[in-house]
Amino acid sequence: MVAVLAVYYSSQTSHNRARAHLATPYLDRLYLEPFRLVGDPRVIEDARLWMPEEATYRVVTGPNVRLRKPATLESAIALVRFHLMPRRLVAGPAGWVLCYGCRRSLLGDRFQVLSDGGNGVVFGRMR
């Protein structure tokens, strides 16, 4: 009898977890909490969808960056790098730009915004 009750309660717990998982929006399930470091998950997902797999991109930080600690910023960039693979992060000029806390004017007139999270994270391309 104890074993039957244990199996019953175990199945109910699994069912409740599965239901909670399904109720969570797709991007929240995809990015989980660590990916919240990168800003708005929609911007990173847009970057993944817009950029060709052979593309190069750069990450620019501006005066309004919210990730003040260097280790936190490095972690965010590492997560972006992981998510955008096989695209390559470069230090110099690139056709695609992910901007943390910078003003669009910093990137010049050639920068075309493709996704703006409204929280200082912007993704776009250089025309």
Protein backbone atom coordinates (compact mmCIF):
# COMPACT_ATOMS: atom_id res chain seq x y z
CA MET A 1 0.00 0.00 0.00
CA VAL A 2 2.84 2.41 0.85
CA ALA A 3 4.49 1.71 -2.50
CA VAL A 4 1.23 2.44 -4.35
CA LEU A 5 0.83 5.77 -2.55
CA ALA A 6 4.47 6.67 -3.24
CA VAL A 7 3.99 6.01 -6.96
CA TYR A 8 0.74 8.01 -6.98
CA TYR A 9 2.29 11.06 -5.28
CA SER A 10 5.37 10.83 -7.48
CA SER A 11 3.26 10.84 -10.64
CA GLN A 12 1.25 13.82 -9.38
CA THR A 13 4.42 15.77 -8.71
CA SER A 14 5.74 15.01 -12.20
CA HIS A 15 2.41 15.95 -13.73
CA ASN A 16 2.36 19.29 -11.89
CA ARG A 17 5.92 20.09 -12.98
CA ALA A 18 5.11 19.25 -16.58
CA ARG A 19 2.02 21.45 -16.47
CA ALA A 20 4.05 24.36 -15.05
CA HIS A 21 6.69 23.82 -17.74
CA LEU A 22 4.09 23.95 -20.50
CA ALA A 23 2.56 27.11 -19.04
CA THR A 24 5.91 28.91 -19.33
CA PRO A 25 6.40 30.82 -22.60
CA TYR A 26 8.84 29.28 -25.09
CA LEU A 27 11.56 31.95 -24.80
CA ASP A 28 11.49 31.74 -21.00
CA ARG A 29 12.00 27.97 -21.21
CA LEU A 30 14.75 28.40 -23.79
CA TYR A 31 16.71 31.08 -21.97
CA LEU A 32 16.09 30.17 -18.34
CA GLU A 33 17.51 32.45 -15.66
CA PRO A 34 21.20 32.58 -16.66
CA PHE A 35 20.26 33.90 -20.09
CA ARG A 36 18.48 36.84 -18.47
CA LEU A 37 22.01 38.18 -18.09
CA VAL A 38 22.04 38.92 -21.79
CA GLY A 39 19.13 41.31 -21.54
CA ASP A 40 15.89 40.73 -23.35
CA PRO A 41 15.84 37.14 -24.66
CA ARG A 42 13.86 38.27 -27.71
CA VAL A 43 16.81 40.36 -28.90
CA ILE A 44 19.20 37.40 -28.71
CA GLU A 45 16.65 35.16 -30.41
CA ASP A 46 16.20 37.76 -33.15
CA ALA A 47 19.97 37.89 -33.58
CA ARG A 48 20.08 34.10 -33.93
CA LEU A 49 17.30 34.15 -36.52
CA TRP A 50 18.52 37.14 -38.56
CA MET A 51 22.24 36.35 -38.78
CA PRO A 52 23.45 33.78 -41.27
CA GLU A 53 25.42 30.95 -39.67
CA GLU A 54 28.67 32.05 -41.32
CA ALA A 55 28.30 35.66 -40.10
CA THR A 56 30.62 37.59 -37.83
CA TYR A 57 29.34 39.97 -35.17
CA ARG A 58 30.71 42.21 -32.48
CA VAL A 59 29.49 43.20 -29.06
CA VAL A 60 29.64 46.88 -28.19
CA THR A 61 29.14 48.31 -24.72
CA GLY A 62 28.21 51.89 -24.09
CA PRO A 63 27.94 54.27 -21.16
CA ASN A 64 24.48 53.02 -20.19
CA VAL A 65 25.41 49.35 -19.82
CA ARG A 66 23.57 47.80 -16.86
CA LEU A 67 26.11 45.03 -16.34
CA ARG A 68 28.63 47.03 -14.31
CA LYS A 69 30.88 44.25 -13.03
CA PRO A 70 33.40 43.02 -15.62
CA ALA A 71 32.82 39.37 -14.63
CA THR A 72 29.06 39.74 -15.17
CA LEU A 73 29.58 41.35 -18.56
CA GLU A 74 32.04 38.60 -19.56
CA SER A 75 29.50 35.97 -18.49
CA ALA A 76 26.79 37.63 -20.55
CA ILE A 77 29.03 37.75 -23.62
CA ALA A 78 29.98 34.09 -23.13
CA LEU A 79 26.29 33.14 -23.02
CA VAL A 80 25.59 35.15 -26.16
CA ARG A 81 28.55 33.50 -27.87
CA PHE A 82 27.25 30.07 -26.93
CA HIS A 83 23.74 30.80 -28.13
CA LEU A 84 24.82 32.35 -31.44
CA MET A 85 27.21 29.57 -32.45
CA PRO A 86 28.42 28.88 -35.15
CA ARG A 87 28.48 32.63 -35.82
CA ARG A 88 31.80 34.20 -34.80
CA LEU A 89 32.35 37.00 -32.32
CA VAL A 90 35.09 39.38 -33.53
CA ALA A 91 36.80 42.33 -31.89
CA GLY A 92 36.93 44.53 -34.99
CA PRO A 93 34.42 45.65 -37.59
CA ALA A 94 31.61 43.21 -38.36
CA GLY A 95 28.42 43.20 -40.35
CA TRP A 96 26.26 42.54 -37.30
CA VAL A 97 26.29 44.29 -33.92
CA LEU A 98 24.88 43.50 -30.49
CA CYS A 99 24.93 46.62 -28.34
CA TYR A 100 24.68 46.78 -24.54
CA GLY A 101 23.78 50.17 -23.14
CA CYS A 102 25.02 52.25 -26.04
CA ARG A 103 23.31 54.98 -27.91
CA ARG A 104 22.56 54.27 -31.54
CA SER A 105 24.48 57.39 -32.52
CA LEU A 106 27.62 55.67 -31.19
CA LEU A 107 27.34 53.16 -34.04
CA GLY A 108 26.81 55.75 -36.77
CA ASP A 109 24.33 56.22 -39.59
CA ARG A 110 25.12 52.86 -41.18
CA PHE A 111 23.69 50.95 -38.20
CA GLN A 112 20.20 49.56 -38.85
CA VAL A 113 18.30 48.41 -35.75
CA LEU A 114 16.60 45.04 -36.22
CA SER A 115 15.63 44.34 -32.61
CA ASP A 116 15.39 46.58 -29.56
CA GLY A 117 14.58 45.11 -26.15
CA GLY A 118 13.78 48.53 -24.71
CA ASN A 119 16.23 47.86 -21.88
CA GLY A 120 19.45 49.03 -23.50
CA VAL A 121 20.09 45.86 -25.53
CA VAL A 122 19.93 46.44 -29.28
CA PHE A 123 20.77 44.20 -32.21
CA GLY A 124 21.27 45.29 -35.78
CA ARG A 125 23.42 45.26 -38.85
CA MET A 126 25.76 47.65 -40.57
CA ARG A 127 24.51 48.71 -43.98
